[in-house]
Amino acid sequence: QVQLVESGGGMVQAEYSLRLSCAVSGLTFSTYAMYWFRQAPGKEREFVGAINWNGRVTYYADSVKGRVTVSRDNAKNMMYLRIHSLQSDDTAVYFCATTRSSFSMVPSPSPGVIGYWGQGTQVTVSS
């Protein structure tokens, strides 16, 4: 059974930084590309960033490029998202995700290509 569990969310002041974590089990983590999405109130779920299976390739949404970093630790089956200079527009539920195919990466995926989702972690940015 594949499980993705996010953590690290909370209420953060604007301009601060935050690191989210995603713990993965039930699949061979080192062979799967991983993704971060987010969903703000009243909006559709949107892609944030992606990292390939060995951590050497990353992609980011234009809306966050330059402020976020996706990383992973294959020895710990963990993925991370660091967000710098948080803004009110970053308030959302953040989800980690992956597809059902190993050694496959979609640079800017739609939610429809995702096979597994975490439950999400809320990030609220206060001014």
Foldseek 3Di string as FASTA:
>chain_A
DKAKAKDWADEAAAQAKTKMKIAIDDDQQLFWKKFKWWDDPPGDIFTAKIAASNRPDMAGDPVQPPFKDWGADSVRRMIMIMGGRDDQVPFTWMKMFTAPDTNDDDRTDDPVRTDDIHPTDTHGYDD
